[in-house]
Amino acid sequence: MVSKYRPKKLIVEGEQDKRVIPELMEKNGIKWGETKDTAVVDIEPYGGDGFIDRDFISTELKASGLTALGLIVDADDDVNARWDSVRNACLKSIPDIPQHLPKSGLIHVTTAGIKFGVWIMPDNETQGMLETFLAYLIPDDGESLWNYAQQVVDEAKTQGAKFIPSHRDKACIYTWLAWQNEPGQQLHNAVMQKILNPTHPKALPFVNWFKMLYDL
């Protein structure tokens, strides 16, 4: 069953993405809206990357009234493999989808006139995830502490810390946040309170992609 649609929709892997993106965009001049029904973009957390599926994407693109659909996924260990899986899932619905993911993120107009976008966290080129992208937003005066947080995380791993290697970036950002005032803020609160700098130059490529995709 297709959920009720508003014209602009974004599908993400999880709740962290759903919470962080509105705060990031608010701090970059977009009035987001106070409720789900008034939000400028409807963000749907899928609960993983299972939406990289040709039938799912085909169904989403056929929703009545849709004008723009975006997908945000984590690169994890291999951004090229991730893009190949996304592209293959889209070929059924978008046979002219570009072979290569642009560094600035994909924005492609389908034959039906729908704007279709893909962003692979953190930057369409590097392995990683949402937390990798958020590390880009650490203020310049926090870099020394960030470097130390990474050293501490790596040392903790040698002492038996149980996080898996692919979650190192998560461990690092939460360690850094644990040392802020107040300690241990959630990711979206860190953006809202500017503990992470939402207007950092390294945030701008994503912000620009989002604004262009959704005509904001």
C-alpha atoms as a PDB file:
ATOM      1  CA  MET A   1       0.000   0.000   0.000  1.00  0.00           C
ATOM      2  CA  VAL A   2       1.345   3.413  -0.952  1.00  0.00           C
ATOM      3  CA  SER A   3       1.350   5.914   1.894  1.00  0.00           C
ATOM      4  CA  LYS A   4      -0.379   9.266   1.560  1.00  0.00           C
ATOM      5  CA  TYR A   5       1.887  11.545  -0.413  1.00  0.00           C
ATOM      6  CA  ARG A   6       2.806  15.147  -0.347  1.00  0.00           C
ATOM      7  CA  PRO A   7       4.581  16.436  -3.453  1.00  0.00           C
ATOM      8  CA  LYS A   8       8.129  16.308  -2.050  1.00  0.00           C
ATOM      9  CA  LYS A   9       9.442  13.168  -0.362  1.00  0.00           C
ATOM     10  CA  LEU A  10      12.783  11.984   0.985  1.00  0.00           C
ATOM     11  CA  ILE A  11      13.522   8.398   1.987  1.00  0.00           C
ATOM     12  CA  VAL A  12      16.346   7.832   4.464  1.00  0.00           C
ATOM     13  CA  GLU A  13      17.775   4.865   6.314  1.00  0.00           C
ATOM     14  CA  GLY A  14      16.890   5.810   9.878  1.00  0.00           C
ATOM     15  CA  GLU A  15      15.517   8.124  12.526  1.00  0.00           C
ATOM     16  CA  GLN A  16      18.820   9.961  12.982  1.00  0.00           C
ATOM     17  CA  ASP A  17      18.688  11.188   9.374  1.00  0.00           C
ATOM     18  CA  LYS A  18      15.048  12.190   9.827  1.00  0.00           C
ATOM     19  CA  ARG A  19      15.897  14.321  12.855  1.00  0.00           C
ATOM     20  CA  VAL A  20      19.187  15.821  11.671  1.00  0.00           C
ATOM     21  CA  ILE A  21      18.197  17.003   8.186  1.00  0.00           C
ATOM     22  CA  PRO A  22      15.415  19.416   9.231  1.00  0.00           C
ATOM     23  CA  GLU A  23      17.692  21.033  11.817  1.00  0.00           C
ATOM     24  CA  LEU A  24      20.478  21.368   9.253  1.00  0.00           C
ATOM     25  CA  MET A  25      18.182  22.942   6.704  1.00  0.00           C
ATOM     26  CA  GLU A  26      16.570  25.282   9.248  1.00  0.00           C
ATOM     27  CA  LYS A  27      20.009  26.621  10.120  1.00  0.00           C
ATOM     28  CA  ASN A  28      20.644  27.176   6.417  1.00  0.00           C
ATOM     29  CA  GLY A  29      17.634  29.399   5.893  1.00  0.00           C
ATOM     30  CA  ILE A  30      14.804  26.952   5.144  1.00  0.00           C
ATOM     31  CA  LYS A  31      11.604  27.291   7.172  1.00  0.00           C
ATOM     32  CA  TRP A  32      10.889  23.613   7.703  1.00  0.00           C
ATOM     33  CA  GLY A  33       7.417  23.648   9.248  1.00  0.00           C
ATOM     34  CA  GLU A  34       6.218  22.799  12.720  1.00  0.00           C
ATOM     35  CA  THR A  35       4.533  19.452  12.063  1.00  0.00           C
ATOM     36  CA  LYS A  36       4.834  16.478   9.721  1.00  0.00           C
ATOM     37  CA  ASP A  37       1.884  17.753   7.709  1.00  0.00           C
ATOM     38  CA  THR A  38       3.393  21.229   7.267  1.00  0.00           C
ATOM     39  CA  ALA A  39       7.013  20.176   6.690  1.00  0.00           C
ATOM     40  CA  VAL A  40       8.443  21.339   3.368  1.00  0.00           C
ATOM     41  CA  VAL A  41       9.634  17.795   2.649  1.00  0.00           C
ATOM     42  CA  ASP A  42       8.118  14.543   3.897  1.00  0.00           C
ATOM     43  CA  ILE A  43      10.988  12.460   5.325  1.00  0.00           C
ATOM     44  CA  GLU A  44      10.370   8.742   5.669  1.00  0.00           C
ATOM     45  CA  PRO A  45      12.872   6.665   7.682  1.00  0.00           C
ATOM     46  CA  TYR A  46      12.847   3.175   6.228  1.00  0.00           C
ATOM     47  CA  GLY A  47      14.686   1.368   9.001  1.00  0.00           C
ATOM     48  CA  GLY A  48      17.686   0.305   6.947  1.00  0.00           C
ATOM     49  CA  ASP A  49      18.634   0.287   3.286  1.00  0.00           C
ATOM     50  CA  GLY A  50      15.920  -2.091   2.094  1.00  0.00           C
ATOM     51  CA  PHE A  51      14.362   0.667  -0.003  1.00  0.00           C
ATOM     52  CA  ILE A  52      17.145   0.110  -2.533  1.00  0.00           C
ATOM     53  CA  ASP A  53      14.759  -2.120  -4.411  1.00  0.00           C
ATOM     54  CA  ARG A  54      13.465  -1.717  -7.957  1.00  0.00           C
ATOM     55  CA  ASP A  55       9.816  -2.466  -7.151  1.00  0.00           C
ATOM     56  CA  PHE A  56       9.789  -0.164  -4.133  1.00  0.00           C
ATOM     57  CA  ILE A  57      11.334   2.725  -6.061  1.00  0.00           C
ATOM     58  CA  SER A  58       9.009   2.132  -9.002  1.00  0.00           C
ATOM     59  CA  THR A  59       5.990   2.294  -6.707  1.00  0.00           C
ATOM     60  CA  GLU A  60       7.207   5.454  -4.984  1.00  0.00           C
ATOM     61  CA  LEU A  61       7.739   7.228  -8.304  1.00  0.00           C
ATOM     62  CA  LYS A  62       4.175   6.449  -9.370  1.00  0.00           C
ATOM     63  CA  ALA A  63       2.600   8.125  -6.334  1.00  0.00           C
ATOM     64  CA  SER A  64      -0.120  10.632  -7.190  1.00  0.00           C
ATOM     65  CA  GLY A  65       0.982  14.257  -7.016  1.00  0.00           C
ATOM     66  CA  LEU A  66       4.680  13.528  -6.544  1.00  0.00           C
ATOM     67  CA  THR A  67       7.026  16.218  -7.865  1.00  0.00           C
ATOM     68  CA  ALA A  68      10.359  15.277  -6.238  1.00  0.00           C
ATOM     69  CA  LEU A  69      11.732  12.109  -4.659  1.00  0.00           C
ATOM     70  CA  GLY A  70      15.092  11.833  -2.918  1.00  0.00           C
ATOM     71  CA  LEU A  71      17.064   8.914  -1.516  1.00  0.00           C
ATOM     72  CA  ILE A  72      19.833   9.237   1.067  1.00  0.00           C
ATOM     73  CA  VAL A  73      21.905   6.168   1.891  1.00  0.00           C
ATOM     74  CA  ASP A  74      25.187   5.537   3.660  1.00  0.00           C
ATOM     75  CA  ALA A  75      28.195   4.600   1.570  1.00  0.00           C
ATOM     76  CA  ASP A  76      29.374   2.270   4.336  1.00  0.00           C
ATOM     77  CA  ASP A  77      32.558   0.523   3.159  1.00  0.00           C
ATOM     78  CA  ASP A  78      32.310   1.131  -0.608  1.00  0.00           C
ATOM     79  CA  VAL A  79      30.655   4.152  -2.195  1.00  0.00           C
ATOM     80  CA  ASN A  80      30.998   2.752  -5.732  1.00  0.00           C
ATOM     81  CA  ALA A  81      29.306  -0.516  -4.820  1.00  0.00           C
ATOM     82  CA  ARG A  82      26.561   1.417  -3.074  1.00  0.00           C
ATOM     83  CA  TRP A  83      25.949   3.593  -6.116  1.00  0.00           C
ATOM     84  CA  ASP A  84      25.862   0.534  -8.371  1.00  0.00           C
ATOM     85  CA  SER A  85      23.185  -1.032  -6.173  1.00  0.00           C
ATOM     86  CA  VAL A  86      21.120   2.176  -6.140  1.00  0.00           C
ATOM     87  CA  ARG A  87      21.463   2.659  -9.892  1.00  0.00           C
ATOM     88  CA  ASN A  88      20.513  -0.942 -10.638  1.00  0.00           C
ATOM     89  CA  ALA A  89      17.418  -0.584  -8.472  1.00  0.00           C
ATOM     90  CA  CYS A  90      16.422   2.537 -10.399  1.00  0.00           C
ATOM     91  CA  LEU A  91      16.962   1.290 -13.957  1.00  0.00           C
ATOM     92  CA  LYS A  92      13.501  -0.261 -14.196  1.00  0.00           C
ATOM     93  CA  SER A  93      11.875   3.140 -13.581  1.00  0.00           C
ATOM     94  CA  ILE A  94      14.608   5.483 -14.827  1.00  0.00           C
ATOM     95  CA  PRO A  95      16.370   3.777 -17.745  1.00  0.00           C
ATOM     96  CA  ASP A  96      18.347   6.942 -18.545  1.00  0.00           C
ATOM     97  CA  ILE A  97      19.761   7.355 -15.039  1.00  0.00           C
ATOM     98  CA  PRO A  98      23.424   8.431 -15.343  1.00  0.00           C
ATOM     99  CA  GLN A  99      26.073   5.756 -15.083  1.00  0.00           C
ATOM    100  CA  HIS A 100      28.134   7.736 -12.588  1.00  0.00           C
ATOM    101  CA  LEU A 101      27.051   9.549  -9.439  1.00  0.00           C
ATOM    102  CA  PRO A 102      27.998  13.230  -9.640  1.00  0.00           C
ATOM    103  CA  LYS A 103      30.191  14.558  -6.844  1.00  0.00           C
ATOM    104  CA  SER A 104      27.464  17.112  -6.165  1.00  0.00           C
ATOM    105  CA  GLY A 105      24.796  14.414  -5.796  1.00  0.00           C
ATOM    106  CA  LEU A 106      22.346  13.153  -8.380  1.00  0.00           C
ATOM    107  CA  ILE A 107      19.441  15.302  -9.511  1.00  0.00           C
ATOM    108  CA  HIS A 108      17.731  13.788 -12.530  1.00  0.00           C
ATOM    109  CA  VAL A 109      14.409  14.636 -14.157  1.00  0.00           C
ATOM    110  CA  THR A 110      12.491  11.525 -15.175  1.00  0.00           C
ATOM    111  CA  THR A 111      10.473  11.224 -18.363  1.00  0.00           C
ATOM    112  CA  ALA A 112       7.395  11.839 -16.209  1.00  0.00           C
ATOM    113  CA  GLY A 113       8.831  15.188 -15.094  1.00  0.00           C
ATOM    114  CA  ILE A 114       9.659  14.115 -11.541  1.00  0.00           C
ATOM    115  CA  LYS A 115      12.891  15.334  -9.978  1.00  0.00           C
ATOM    116  CA  PHE A 116      14.754  12.326  -8.619  1.00  0.00           C
ATOM    117  CA  GLY A 117      17.758  12.725  -6.346  1.00  0.00           C
ATOM    118  CA  VAL A 118      20.366  10.535  -4.677  1.00  0.00           C
ATOM    119  CA  TRP A 119      22.910  11.483  -2.041  1.00  0.00           C
ATOM    120  CA  ILE A 120      25.319   8.881  -0.663  1.00  0.00           C
ATOM    121  CA  MET A 121      26.608   9.844   2.761  1.00  0.00           C
ATOM    122  CA  PRO A 122      28.951  11.370   3.538  1.00  0.00           C
ATOM    123  CA  ASP A 123      29.908  13.144   0.295  1.00  0.00           C
ATOM    124  CA  ASN A 124      29.212  10.862  -2.703  1.00  0.00           C
ATOM    125  CA  GLU A 125      32.922   9.989  -2.877  1.00  0.00           C
ATOM    126  CA  THR A 126      34.060   8.664   0.482  1.00  0.00           C
ATOM    127  CA  GLN A 127      33.170   5.597   2.528  1.00  0.00           C
ATOM    128  CA  GLY A 128      31.192   6.345   5.657  1.00  0.00           C
ATOM    129  CA  MET A 129      27.780   7.347   6.919  1.00  0.00           C
ATOM    130  CA  LEU A 130      25.734  10.156   8.448  1.00  0.00           C
ATOM    131  CA  GLU A 131      28.132  10.419  11.391  1.00  0.00           C
ATOM    132  CA  THR A 132      31.052  10.810   8.971  1.00  0.00           C
ATOM    133  CA  PHE A 133      29.252  13.746   7.381  1.00  0.00           C
ATOM    134  CA  LEU A 134      28.516  15.313  10.762  1.00  0.00           C
ATOM    135  CA  ALA A 135      32.192  15.112  11.671  1.00  0.00           C
ATOM    136  CA  TYR A 136      32.754  17.510   8.765  1.00  0.00           C
ATOM    137  CA  LEU A 137      30.707  20.052  10.756  1.00  0.00           C
ATOM    138  CA  ILE A 138      32.992  20.102  13.791  1.00  0.00           C
ATOM    139  CA  PRO A 139      33.932  23.765  14.292  1.00  0.00           C
ATOM    140  CA  ASP A 140      37.465  24.681  13.344  1.00  0.00           C
ATOM    141  CA  ASP A 141      38.321  25.419  16.979  1.00  0.00           C
ATOM    142  CA  GLY A 142      37.227  21.885  17.889  1.00  0.00           C
ATOM    143  CA  GLU A 143      39.612  20.094  15.545  1.00  0.00           C
ATOM    144  CA  SER A 144      42.278  19.430  18.167  1.00  0.00           C
ATOM    145  CA  LEU A 145      39.766  17.792  20.486  1.00  0.00           C
ATOM    146  CA  TRP A 146      38.344  15.860  17.533  1.00  0.00           C
ATOM    147  CA  ASN A 147      41.769  14.464  16.717  1.00  0.00           C
ATOM    148  CA  TYR A 148      42.179  13.450  20.336  1.00  0.00           C
ATOM    149  CA  ALA A 149      38.717  11.804  20.364  1.00  0.00           C
ATOM    150  CA  GLN A 150      39.766   9.659  17.418  1.00  0.00           C
ATOM    151  CA  GLN A 151      42.956   8.642  19.208  1.00  0.00           C
ATOM    152  CA  VAL A 152      40.958   7.703  22.304  1.00  0.00           C
ATOM    153  CA  VAL A 153      38.510   5.624  20.265  1.00  0.00           C
ATOM    154  CA  ASP A 154      41.330   3.777  18.546  1.00  0.00           C
ATOM    155  CA  GLU A 155      43.008   3.118  21.894  1.00  0.00           C
ATOM    156  CA  ALA A 156      39.698   1.923  23.348  1.00  0.00           C
ATOM    157  CA  LYS A 157      39.459  -0.593  20.522  1.00  0.00           C
ATOM    158  CA  THR A 158      42.813  -2.063  21.506  1.00  0.00           C
ATOM    159  CA  GLN A 159      41.515  -2.294  25.083  1.00  0.00           C
ATOM    160  CA  GLY A 160      38.517  -4.366  24.082  1.00  0.00           C
ATOM    161  CA  ALA A 161      35.868  -1.831  23.010  1.00  0.00           C
ATOM    162  CA  LYS A 162      33.230  -3.837  21.177  1.00  0.00           C
ATOM    163  CA  PHE A 163      32.178  -1.497  18.355  1.00  0.00           C
ATOM    164  CA  ILE A 164      32.753  -2.988  14.912  1.00  0.00           C
ATOM    165  CA  PRO A 165      35.276  -1.280  12.611  1.00  0.00           C
ATOM    166  CA  SER A 166      32.597   0.079  10.262  1.00  0.00           C
ATOM    167  CA  HIS A 167      31.082   1.947  13.228  1.00  0.00           C
ATOM    168  CA  ARG A 168      34.299   3.757  14.153  1.00  0.00           C
ATOM    169  CA  ASP A 169      32.931   7.089  12.907  1.00  0.00           C
ATOM    170  CA  LYS A 170      29.902   6.675  15.171  1.00  0.00           C
ATOM    171  CA  ALA A 171      32.142   5.981  18.159  1.00  0.00           C
ATOM    172  CA  CYS A 172      34.308   9.006  17.366  1.00  0.00           C
ATOM    173  CA  ILE A 173      31.502  11.557  16.995  1.00  0.00           C
ATOM    174  CA  TYR A 174      29.729  10.397  20.154  1.00  0.00           C
ATOM    175  CA  THR A 175      33.008  10.511  22.077  1.00  0.00           C
ATOM    176  CA  TRP A 176      33.588  14.079  20.905  1.00  0.00           C
ATOM    177  CA  LEU A 177      30.016  15.040  21.822  1.00  0.00           C
ATOM    178  CA  ALA A 178      30.503  13.535  25.277  1.00  0.00           C
ATOM    179  CA  TRP A 179      33.093  16.213  25.974  1.00  0.00           C
ATOM    180  CA  GLN A 180      30.944  19.194  24.978  1.00  0.00           C
ATOM    181  CA  ASN A 181      28.785  21.502  27.088  1.00  0.00           C
ATOM    182  CA  GLU A 182      26.368  19.856  27.748  1.00  0.00           C
ATOM    183  CA  PRO A 183      27.876  16.387  27.337  1.00  0.00           C
ATOM    184  CA  GLY A 184      26.244  13.750  25.185  1.00  0.00           C
ATOM    185  CA  GLN A 185      23.839  15.738  23.041  1.00  0.00           C
ATOM    186  CA  GLN A 186      21.903  13.828  20.410  1.00  0.00           C
ATOM    187  CA  LEU A 187      23.049  14.475  16.858  1.00  0.00           C
ATOM    188  CA  HIS A 188      20.118  16.665  15.839  1.00  0.00           C
ATOM    189  CA  ASN A 189      20.407  18.701  19.045  1.00  0.00           C
ATOM    190  CA  ALA A 190      24.121  19.200  18.392  1.00  0.00           C
ATOM    191  CA  VAL A 191      23.214  20.714  15.020  1.00  0.00           C
ATOM    192  CA  MET A 192      20.344  22.766  16.453  1.00  0.00           C
ATOM    193  CA  GLN A 193      22.563  24.173  19.214  1.00  0.00           C
ATOM    194  CA  LYS A 194      25.458  24.720  16.800  1.00  0.00           C
ATOM    195  CA  ILE A 195      27.793  22.447  18.747  1.00  0.00           C
ATOM    196  CA  LEU A 196      28.239  21.104  15.237  1.00  0.00           C
ATOM    197  CA  ASN A 197      28.434  23.990  12.784  1.00  0.00           C
ATOM    198  CA  PRO A 198      25.476  23.649  10.362  1.00  0.00           C
ATOM    199  CA  THR A 199      26.835  26.343   8.053  1.00  0.00           C
ATOM    200  CA  HIS A 200      30.347  24.905   7.847  1.00  0.00           C
ATOM    201  CA  PRO A 201      31.628  25.105   4.242  1.00  0.00           C
ATOM    202  CA  LYS A 202      31.759  21.313   4.139  1.00  0.00           C
ATOM    203  CA  ALA A 203      27.998  21.196   4.710  1.00  0.00           C
ATOM    204  CA  LEU A 204      27.215  23.369   1.716  1.00  0.00           C
ATOM    205  CA  PRO A 205      27.391  20.718  -1.049  1.00  0.00           C
ATOM    206  CA  PHE A 206      24.693  18.685   0.696  1.00  0.00           C
ATOM    207  CA  VAL A 207      22.627  21.762   1.523  1.00  0.00           C
ATOM    208  CA  ASN A 208      22.801  22.937  -2.087  1.00  0.00           C
ATOM    209  CA  TRP A 209      21.797  19.485  -3.387  1.00  0.00           C
ATOM    210  CA  PHE A 210      18.806  19.429  -1.070  1.00  0.00           C
ATOM    211  CA  LYS A 211      17.666  22.918  -2.004  1.00  0.00           C
ATOM    212  CA  MET A 212      17.991  22.233  -5.730  1.00  0.00           C
ATOM    213  CA  LEU A 213      16.207  18.902  -5.563  1.00  0.00           C
ATOM    214  CA  TYR A 214      13.232  20.333  -3.721  1.00  0.00           C
ATOM    215  CA  ASP A 215      13.238  23.841  -5.225  1.00  0.00           C
ATOM    216  CA  LEU A 216      13.717  25.511  -1.838  1.00  0.00           C
END
